[in-house]
């Protein structure tokens, strides 16, 4: 099994876009016991990936609880970089 941050990045090569909650939902089957699979930690990982040019922000919205959801996607170059270094 891949490290959690690798799995987070790899998730974006398989979906059009996702927010932290989407990532948590997608990965909870394999990573539910990881302490870092929490909203704040996933948001931090996504923001780091964006700062490093692997992900781009696509849109944002407020959920029913009043929390901001920021959506990201891996552009072509970001996805290629992720796939180059993180194999399936």
PDB file of N, CA and C in Angstrom:
ATOM      1  N   UNK A   1       0.841  -1.175   0.000  1.00  0.00           N
ATOM      2  CA  UNK A   1       0.000   0.000   0.000  1.00  0.00           C
ATOM      3  C   UNK A   1       0.891   1.245   0.000  1.00  0.00           C
ATOM      4  N   UNK A   2       0.487   2.233  -0.776  1.00  0.00           N
ATOM      5  CA  UNK A   2       1.242   3.475  -0.907  1.00  0.00           C
ATOM      6  C   UNK A   2       1.133   4.331   0.359  1.00  0.00           C
ATOM      7  N   UNK A   3       2.111   5.209   0.599  1.00  0.00           N
ATOM      8  CA  UNK A   3       1.941   6.204   1.650  1.00  0.00           C
ATOM      9  C   UNK A   3       0.695   7.052   1.355  1.00  0.00           C
ATOM     10  N   UNK A   4       0.055   7.554   2.388  1.00  0.00           N
ATOM     11  CA  UNK A   4      -1.195   8.287   2.226  1.00  0.00           C
ATOM     12  C   UNK A   4      -1.057   9.471   1.276  1.00  0.00           C
ATOM     13  N   UNK A   5      -0.010  10.253   1.407  1.00  0.00           N
ATOM     14  CA  UNK A   5       0.133  11.419   0.520  1.00  0.00           C
ATOM     15  C   UNK A   5       0.267  11.005  -0.943  1.00  0.00           C
ATOM     16  N   UNK A   6       0.903   9.883  -1.191  1.00  0.00           N
ATOM     17  CA  UNK A   6       0.986   9.373  -2.562  1.00  0.00           C
ATOM     18  C   UNK A   6      -0.401   8.991  -3.061  1.00  0.00           C
ATOM     19  N   UNK A   7      -1.172   8.334  -2.206  1.00  0.00           N
ATOM     20  CA  UNK A   7      -2.525   7.924  -2.587  1.00  0.00           C
ATOM     21  C   UNK A   7      -3.405   9.141  -2.865  1.00  0.00           C
ATOM     22  N   UNK A   8      -3.225  10.195  -2.084  1.00  0.00           N
ATOM     23  CA  UNK A   8      -3.989  11.427  -2.311  1.00  0.00           C
ATOM     24  C   UNK A   8      -3.663  11.980  -3.691  1.00  0.00           C
ATOM     25  N   UNK A   9      -2.391  12.101  -4.006  1.00  0.00           N
ATOM     26  CA  UNK A   9      -1.992  12.622  -5.318  1.00  0.00           C
ATOM     27  C   UNK A   9      -2.477  11.723  -6.440  1.00  0.00           C
ATOM     28  N   UNK A  10      -2.305  10.433  -6.271  1.00  0.00           N
ATOM     29  CA  UNK A  10      -2.698   9.479  -7.312  1.00  0.00           C
ATOM     30  C   UNK A  10      -4.203   9.546  -7.578  1.00  0.00           C
ATOM     31  N   UNK A  11      -4.985   9.836  -6.548  1.00  0.00           N
ATOM     32  CA  UNK A  11      -6.441   9.965  -6.704  1.00  0.00           C
ATOM     33  C   UNK A  11      -6.781  11.013  -7.765  1.00  0.00           C
ATOM     34  N   UNK A  12      -6.017  12.076  -7.822  1.00  0.00           N
ATOM     35  CA  UNK A  12      -6.305  13.157  -8.765  1.00  0.00           C
ATOM     36  C   UNK A  12      -5.961  12.806 -10.207  1.00  0.00           C
ATOM     37  N   UNK A  13      -5.265  11.704 -10.423  1.00  0.00           N
ATOM     38  CA  UNK A  13      -5.014  11.255 -11.798  1.00  0.00           C
ATOM     39  C   UNK A  13      -6.156  10.382 -12.301  1.00  0.00           C
ATOM     40  N   UNK A  14      -7.115  10.082 -11.405  1.00  0.00           N
ATOM     41  CA  UNK A  14      -8.220   9.194 -11.760  1.00  0.00           C
ATOM     42  C   UNK A  14      -9.580   9.880 -11.746  1.00  0.00           C
ATOM     43  N   UNK A  15      -9.628  11.136 -11.310  1.00  0.00           N
ATOM     44  CA  UNK A  15     -10.898  11.874 -11.246  1.00  0.00           C
ATOM     45  C   UNK A  15     -10.730  13.235 -11.915  1.00  0.00           C
ATOM     46  N   UNK A  16     -11.848  13.813 -12.327  1.00  0.00           N
ATOM     47  CA  UNK A  16     -11.794  15.128 -12.952  1.00  0.00           C
ATOM     48  C   UNK A  16     -11.446  16.228 -11.970  1.00  0.00           C
ATOM     49  N   UNK A  17     -12.068  16.187 -10.799  1.00  0.00           N
ATOM     50  CA  UNK A  17     -11.763  17.128  -9.730  1.00  0.00           C
ATOM     51  C   UNK A  17     -12.249  16.532  -8.417  1.00  0.00           C
ATOM     52  N   UNK A  18     -11.741  17.065  -7.323  1.00  0.00           N
ATOM     53  CA  UNK A  18     -12.145  16.570  -6.001  1.00  0.00           C
ATOM     54  C   UNK A  18     -11.784  17.603  -4.946  1.00  0.00           C
ATOM     55  N   UNK A  19     -12.509  17.538  -3.834  1.00  0.00           N
ATOM     56  CA  UNK A  19     -12.193  18.357  -2.672  1.00  0.00           C
ATOM     57  C   UNK A  19     -11.686  17.418  -1.576  1.00  0.00           C
ATOM     58  N   UNK A  20     -11.294  17.958  -0.440  1.00  0.00           N
ATOM     59  CA  UNK A  20     -10.759  17.138   0.651  1.00  0.00           C
ATOM     60  C   UNK A  20     -11.751  16.063   1.076  1.00  0.00           C
ATOM     61  N   UNK A  21     -13.021  16.420   1.181  1.00  0.00           N
ATOM     62  CA  UNK A  21     -14.033  15.454   1.593  1.00  0.00           C
ATOM     63  C   UNK A  21     -14.169  14.315   0.583  1.00  0.00           C
ATOM     64  N   UNK A  22     -14.058  14.631  -0.697  1.00  0.00           N
ATOM     65  CA  UNK A  22     -14.104  13.595  -1.741  1.00  0.00           C
ATOM     66  C   UNK A  22     -12.917  12.637  -1.601  1.00  0.00           C
ATOM     67  N   UNK A  23     -11.752  13.196  -1.337  1.00  0.00           N
ATOM     68  CA  UNK A  23     -10.544  12.387  -1.183  1.00  0.00           C
ATOM     69  C   UNK A  23     -10.689  11.454   0.016  1.00  0.00           C
ATOM     70  N   UNK A  24     -11.158  11.988   1.124  1.00  0.00           N
ATOM     71  CA  UNK A  24     -11.342  11.180   2.331  1.00  0.00           C
ATOM     72  C   UNK A  24     -12.317  10.037   2.056  1.00  0.00           C
ATOM     73  N   UNK A  25     -13.413  10.349   1.406  1.00  0.00           N
ATOM     74  CA  UNK A  25     -14.415   9.328   1.088  1.00  0.00           C
ATOM     75  C   UNK A  25     -13.825   8.241   0.187  1.00  0.00           C
ATOM     76  N   UNK A  26     -13.038   8.657  -0.812  1.00  0.00           N
ATOM     77  CA  UNK A  26     -12.467   7.699  -1.765  1.00  0.00           C
ATOM     78  C   UNK A  26     -11.409   6.800  -1.119  1.00  0.00           C
ATOM     79  N   UNK A  27     -10.675   7.331  -0.146  1.00  0.00           N
ATOM     80  CA  UNK A  27      -9.548   6.591   0.419  1.00  0.00           C
ATOM     81  C   UNK A  27      -9.849   5.916   1.751  1.00  0.00           C
ATOM     82  N   UNK A  28     -11.005   6.169   2.318  1.00  0.00           N
ATOM     83  CA  UNK A  28     -11.256   5.650   3.665  1.00  0.00           C
ATOM     84  C   UNK A  28     -11.281   4.129   3.745  1.00  0.00           C
ATOM     85  N   UNK A  29     -11.581   3.452   2.655  1.00  0.00           N
ATOM     86  CA  UNK A  29     -11.558   1.992   2.680  1.00  0.00           C
ATOM     87  C   UNK A  29     -10.190   1.435   3.026  1.00  0.00           C
ATOM     88  N   UNK A  30      -9.143   1.967   2.426  1.00  0.00           N
ATOM     89  CA  UNK A  30      -7.781   1.479   2.654  1.00  0.00           C
ATOM     90  C   UNK A  30      -7.041   2.233   3.754  1.00  0.00           C
ATOM     91  N   UNK A  31      -7.402   3.477   3.989  1.00  0.00           N
ATOM     92  CA  UNK A  31      -6.619   4.336   4.873  1.00  0.00           C
ATOM     93  C   UNK A  31      -7.385   4.833   6.101  1.00  0.00           C
ATOM     94  N   UNK A  32      -8.500   4.216   6.441  1.00  0.00           N
ATOM     95  CA  UNK A  32      -9.335   4.716   7.533  1.00  0.00           C
ATOM     96  C   UNK A  32      -8.621   4.735   8.884  1.00  0.00           C
ATOM     97  N   UNK A  33      -7.610   3.912   9.064  1.00  0.00           N
ATOM     98  CA  UNK A  33      -6.895   3.875  10.337  1.00  0.00           C
ATOM     99  C   UNK A  33      -5.773   4.912  10.420  1.00  0.00           C
ATOM    100  N   UNK A  34      -5.515   5.613   9.338  1.00  0.00           N
ATOM    101  CA  UNK A  34      -4.470   6.633   9.329  1.00  0.00           C
ATOM    102  C   UNK A  34      -4.978   7.896  10.014  1.00  0.00           C
ATOM    103  N   UNK A  35      -4.208   8.403  10.955  1.00  0.00           N
ATOM    104  CA  UNK A  35      -4.588   9.632  11.650  1.00  0.00           C
ATOM    105  C   UNK A  35      -4.599  10.836  10.710  1.00  0.00           C
ATOM    106  N   UNK A  36      -3.818  10.787   9.661  1.00  0.00           N
ATOM    107  CA  UNK A  36      -3.722  11.902   8.728  1.00  0.00           C
ATOM    108  C   UNK A  36      -4.875  11.951   7.729  1.00  0.00           C
ATOM    109  N   UNK A  37      -5.770  10.978   7.765  1.00  0.00           N
ATOM    110  CA  UNK A  37      -6.920  11.010   6.855  1.00  0.00           C
ATOM    111  C   UNK A  37      -8.054  11.788   7.531  1.00  0.00           C
ATOM    112  N   UNK A  38      -7.738  13.012   7.873  1.00  0.00           N
ATOM    113  CA  UNK A  38      -8.682  13.953   8.471  1.00  0.00           C
ATOM    114  C   UNK A  38      -8.706  15.198   7.596  1.00  0.00           C
ATOM    115  N   UNK A  39      -9.793  15.921   7.665  1.00  0.00           N
ATOM    116  CA  UNK A  39     -10.025  17.065   6.781  1.00  0.00           C
ATOM    117  C   UNK A  39      -8.840  18.045   6.769  1.00  0.00           C
ATOM    118  N   UNK A  40      -8.393  18.483   7.939  1.00  0.00           N
ATOM    119  CA  UNK A  40      -7.324  19.482   7.981  1.00  0.00           C
ATOM    120  C   UNK A  40      -6.019  18.965   7.378  1.00  0.00           C
ATOM    121  N   UNK A  41      -5.686  17.725   7.656  1.00  0.00           N
ATOM    122  CA  UNK A  41      -4.452  17.144   7.119  1.00  0.00           C
ATOM    123  C   UNK A  41      -4.535  16.962   5.610  1.00  0.00           C
ATOM    124  N   UNK A  42      -5.692  16.555   5.111  1.00  0.00           N
ATOM    125  CA  UNK A  42      -5.868  16.383   3.663  1.00  0.00           C
ATOM    126  C   UNK A  42      -5.826  17.745   2.974  1.00  0.00           C
ATOM    127  N   UNK A  43      -6.453  18.749   3.563  1.00  0.00           N
ATOM    128  CA  UNK A  43      -6.403  20.097   2.996  1.00  0.00           C
ATOM    129  C   UNK A  43      -4.957  20.577   2.921  1.00  0.00           C
ATOM    130  N   UNK A  44      -4.195  20.328   3.953  1.00  0.00           N
ATOM    131  CA  UNK A  44      -2.780  20.704   3.952  1.00  0.00           C
ATOM    132  C   UNK A  44      -2.021  20.002   2.825  1.00  0.00           C
ATOM    133  N   UNK A  45      -2.284  18.721   2.635  1.00  0.00           N
ATOM    134  CA  UNK A  45      -1.631  17.975   1.547  1.00  0.00           C
ATOM    135  C   UNK A  45      -2.023  18.535   0.186  1.00  0.00           C
ATOM    136  N   UNK A  46      -3.292  18.895   0.021  1.00  0.00           N
ATOM    137  CA  UNK A  46      -3.756  19.448  -1.253  1.00  0.00           C
ATOM    138  C   UNK A  46      -3.131  20.813  -1.521  1.00  0.00           C
ATOM    139  N   UNK A  47      -3.046  21.635  -0.494  1.00  0.00           N
ATOM    140  CA  UNK A  47      -2.444  22.960  -0.661  1.00  0.00           C
ATOM    141  C   UNK A  47      -0.957  22.853  -0.976  1.00  0.00           C
ATOM    142  N   UNK A  48      -0.280  21.884  -0.373  1.00  0.00           N
ATOM    143  CA  UNK A  48       1.137  21.655  -0.675  1.00  0.00           C
ATOM    144  C   UNK A  48       1.305  21.208  -2.126  1.00  0.00           C
ATOM    145  N   UNK A  49       0.442  20.298  -2.564  1.00  0.00           N
ATOM    146  CA  UNK A  49       0.502  19.833  -3.959  1.00  0.00           C
ATOM    147  C   UNK A  49       0.230  20.985  -4.921  1.00  0.00           C
ATOM    148  N   UNK A  50      -0.692  21.874  -4.551  1.00  0.00           N
ATOM    149  CA  UNK A  50      -0.962  23.043  -5.403  1.00  0.00           C
ATOM    150  C   UNK A  50       0.254  23.963  -5.443  1.00  0.00           C
ATOM    151  N   UNK A  51       0.865  24.210  -4.301  1.00  0.00           N
ATOM    152  CA  UNK A  51       2.045  25.080  -4.245  1.00  0.00           C
ATOM    153  C   UNK A  51       3.205  24.509  -5.056  1.00  0.00           C
ATOM    154  N   UNK A  52       3.252  23.182  -5.169  1.00  0.00           N
ATOM    155  CA  UNK A  52       4.306  22.521  -5.943  1.00  0.00           C
ATOM    156  C   UNK A  52       3.938  22.312  -7.404  1.00  0.00           C
ATOM    157  N   UNK A  53       2.774  22.811  -7.817  1.00  0.00           N
ATOM    158  CA  UNK A  53       2.392  22.763  -9.220  1.00  0.00           C
ATOM    159  C   UNK A  53       1.786  21.450  -9.677  1.00  0.00           C
ATOM    160  N   UNK A  54       1.464  20.551  -8.751  1.00  0.00           N
ATOM    161  CA  UNK A  54       0.887  19.265  -9.142  1.00  0.00           C
ATOM    162  C   UNK A  54      -0.627  19.350  -9.296  1.00  0.00           C
ATOM    163  N   UNK A  55      -1.271  20.213  -8.535  1.00  0.00           N
ATOM    164  CA  UNK A  55      -2.723  20.402  -8.591  1.00  0.00           C
ATOM    165  C   UNK A  55      -3.047  21.864  -8.830  1.00  0.00           C
ATOM    166  N   UNK A  56      -4.243  22.098  -9.341  1.00  0.00           N
ATOM    167  CA  UNK A  56      -4.752  23.457  -9.543  1.00  0.00           C
ATOM    168  C   UNK A  56      -6.142  23.550  -8.931  1.00  0.00           C
ATOM    169  N   UNK A  57      -6.422  24.698  -8.336  1.00  0.00           N
ATOM    170  CA  UNK A  57      -7.755  24.938  -7.810  1.00  0.00           C
ATOM    171  C   UNK A  57      -8.718  25.136  -8.978  1.00  0.00           C
ATOM    172  N   UNK A  58      -9.882  24.488  -8.909  1.00  0.00           N
ATOM    173  CA  UNK A  58     -10.856  24.627  -9.995  1.00  0.00           C
ATOM    174  C   UNK A  58     -12.067  25.453  -9.592  1.00  0.00           C
ATOM    175  N   UNK A  59     -12.525  25.283  -8.350  1.00  0.00           N
ATOM    176  CA  UNK A  59     -13.687  26.037  -7.883  1.00  0.00           C
ATOM    177  C   UNK A  59     -13.812  25.869  -6.376  1.00  0.00           C
ATOM    178  N   UNK A  60     -14.743  26.596  -5.801  1.00  0.00           N
ATOM    179  CA  UNK A  60     -15.012  26.450  -4.376  1.00  0.00           C
ATOM    180  C   UNK A  60     -16.488  26.677  -4.127  1.00  0.00           C
ATOM    181  N   UNK A  61     -16.971  26.145  -3.001  1.00  0.00           N
ATOM    182  CA  UNK A  61     -18.365  26.295  -2.617  1.00  0.00           C
ATOM    183  C   UNK A  61     -18.494  26.091  -1.113  1.00  0.00           C
ATOM    184  N   UNK A  62     -19.613  26.501  -0.563  1.00  0.00           N
ATOM    185  CA  UNK A  62     -19.907  26.258   0.841  1.00  0.00           C
ATOM    186  C   UNK A  62     -20.790  25.012   0.932  1.00  0.00           C
ATOM    187  N   UNK A  63     -20.480  24.127   1.897  1.00  0.00           N
ATOM    188  CA  UNK A  63     -21.330  22.956   2.075  1.00  0.00           C
ATOM    189  C   UNK A  63     -22.494  23.299   3.009  1.00  0.00           C
ATOM    190  N   UNK A  64     -23.316  22.325   3.295  1.00  0.00           N
ATOM    191  CA  UNK A  64     -24.496  22.544   4.131  1.00  0.00           C
ATOM    192  C   UNK A  64     -24.162  22.950   5.559  1.00  0.00           C
ATOM    193  N   UNK A  65     -22.965  22.634   6.006  1.00  0.00           N
ATOM    194  CA  UNK A  65     -22.530  22.972   7.369  1.00  0.00           C
ATOM    195  C   UNK A  65     -21.822  24.325   7.425  1.00  0.00           C
ATOM    196  N   UNK A  66     -21.699  24.991   6.277  1.00  0.00           N
ATOM    197  CA  UNK A  66     -21.019  26.285   6.225  1.00  0.00           C
ATOM    198  C   UNK A  66     -19.515  26.179   6.084  1.00  0.00           C
ATOM    199  N   UNK A  67     -19.009  24.997   5.758  1.00  0.00           N
ATOM    200  CA  UNK A  67     -17.581  24.812   5.539  1.00  0.00           C
ATOM    201  C   UNK A  67     -17.240  25.064   4.074  1.00  0.00           C
ATOM    202  N   UNK A  68     -16.119  25.708   3.864  1.00  0.00           N
ATOM    203  CA  UNK A  68     -15.646  25.959   2.506  1.00  0.00           C
ATOM    204  C   UNK A  68     -15.058  24.684   1.931  1.00  0.00           C
ATOM    205  N   UNK A  69     -15.481  24.324   0.738  1.00  0.00           N
ATOM    206  CA  UNK A  69     -14.914  23.191   0.006  1.00  0.00           C
ATOM    207  C   UNK A  69     -14.186  23.742  -1.216  1.00  0.00           C
ATOM    208  N   UNK A  70     -12.907  23.475  -1.277  1.00  0.00           N
ATOM    209  CA  UNK A  70     -12.090  23.900  -2.403  1.00  0.00           C
ATOM    210  C   UNK A  70     -11.821  22.665  -3.255  1.00  0.00           C
ATOM    211  N   UNK A  71     -12.113  22.776  -4.541  1.00  0.00           N
ATOM    212  CA  UNK A  71     -11.930  21.662  -5.470  1.00  0.00           C
ATOM    213  C   UNK A  71     -10.653  21.867  -6.271  1.00  0.00           C
ATOM    214  N   UNK A  72      -9.956  20.768  -6.521  1.00  0.00           N
ATOM    215  CA  UNK A  72      -8.695  20.772  -7.260  1.00  0.00           C
ATOM    216  C   UNK A  72      -8.757  19.744  -8.378  1.00  0.00           C
ATOM    217  N   UNK A  73      -7.866  19.916  -9.333  1.00  0.00           N
ATOM    218  CA  UNK A  73      -7.661  18.890 -10.356  1.00  0.00           C
ATOM    219  C   UNK A  73      -6.185  18.871 -10.711  1.00  0.00           C
ATOM    220  N   UNK A  74      -5.760  17.745 -11.257  1.00  0.00           N
ATOM    221  CA  UNK A  74      -4.387  17.632 -11.749  1.00  0.00           C
ATOM    222  C   UNK A  74      -4.417  17.982 -13.229  1.00  0.00           C
ATOM    223  N   UNK A  75      -3.723  19.062 -13.587  1.00  0.00           N
ATOM    224  CA  UNK A  75      -3.644  19.397 -15.011  1.00  0.00           C
ATOM    225  C   UNK A  75      -2.780  18.349 -15.716  1.00  0.00           C
ATOM    226  N   UNK A  76      -2.675  18.453 -17.003  1.00  0.00           N
ATOM    227  CA  UNK A  76      -1.961  17.434 -17.782  1.00  0.00           C
ATOM    228  C   UNK A  76      -0.520  17.253 -17.307  1.00  0.00           C
ATOM    229  N   UNK A  77       0.167  18.348 -17.089  1.00  0.00           N
ATOM    230  CA  UNK A  77       1.562  18.272 -16.651  1.00  0.00           C
ATOM    231  C   UNK A  77       1.666  17.720 -15.230  1.00  0.00           C
ATOM    232  N   UNK A  78       0.781  18.154 -14.349  1.00  0.00           N
ATOM    233  CA  UNK A  78       0.781  17.657 -12.975  1.00  0.00           C
ATOM    234  C   UNK A  78       0.497  16.168 -12.922  1.00  0.00           C
ATOM    235  N   UNK A  79      -0.503  15.723 -13.691  1.00  0.00           N
ATOM    236  CA  UNK A  79      -0.843  14.294 -13.732  1.00  0.00           C
ATOM    237  C   UNK A  79       0.329  13.476 -14.272  1.00  0.00           C
ATOM    238  N   UNK A  80       1.005  14.002 -15.292  1.00  0.00           N
ATOM    239  CA  UNK A  80       2.157  13.287 -15.856  1.00  0.00           C
ATOM    240  C   UNK A  80       3.279  13.158 -14.826  1.00  0.00           C
ATOM    241  N   UNK A  81       3.504  14.207 -14.073  1.00  0.00           N
ATOM    242  CA  UNK A  81       4.538  14.166 -13.030  1.00  0.00           C
ATOM    243  C   UNK A  81       4.166  13.172 -11.933  1.00  0.00           C
ATOM    244  N   UNK A  82       2.920  13.224 -11.487  1.00  0.00           N
ATOM    245  CA  UNK A  82       2.457  12.285 -10.465  1.00  0.00           C
ATOM    246  C   UNK A  82       2.626  10.848 -10.958  1.00  0.00           C
ATOM    247  N   UNK A  83       2.173  10.574 -12.178  1.00  0.00           N
ATOM    248  CA  UNK A  83       2.265   9.211 -12.727  1.00  0.00           C
ATOM    249  C   UNK A  83       3.702   8.765 -12.957  1.00  0.00           C
ATOM    250  N   UNK A  84       4.581   9.720 -13.232  1.00  0.00           N
ATOM    251  CA  UNK A  84       5.994   9.378 -13.451  1.00  0.00           C
ATOM    252  C   UNK A  84       6.636   8.876 -12.159  1.00  0.00           C
ATOM    253  N   UNK A  85       6.312   9.487 -11.053  1.00  0.00           N
ATOM    254  CA  UNK A  85       6.971   9.157  -9.788  1.00  0.00           C
ATOM    255  C   UNK A  85       6.178   8.211  -8.886  1.00  0.00           C
ATOM    256  N   UNK A  86       4.869   8.125  -9.095  1.00  0.00           N
ATOM    257  CA  UNK A  86       4.035   7.248  -8.264  1.00  0.00           C
ATOM    258  C   UNK A  86       3.363   6.238  -9.185  1.00  0.00           C
ATOM    259  N   UNK A  87       3.838   5.035  -9.152  1.00  0.00           N
ATOM    260  CA  UNK A  87       3.292   3.981 -10.010  1.00  0.00           C
ATOM    261  C   UNK A  87       2.086   3.330  -9.343  1.00  0.00           C
ATOM    262  N   UNK A  88       1.198   2.759 -10.168  1.00  0.00           N
ATOM    263  CA  UNK A  88       0.035   2.031  -9.633  1.00  0.00           C
ATOM    264  C   UNK A  88       0.453   0.721  -9.032  1.00  0.00           C
TER     265      UNK A  88
END
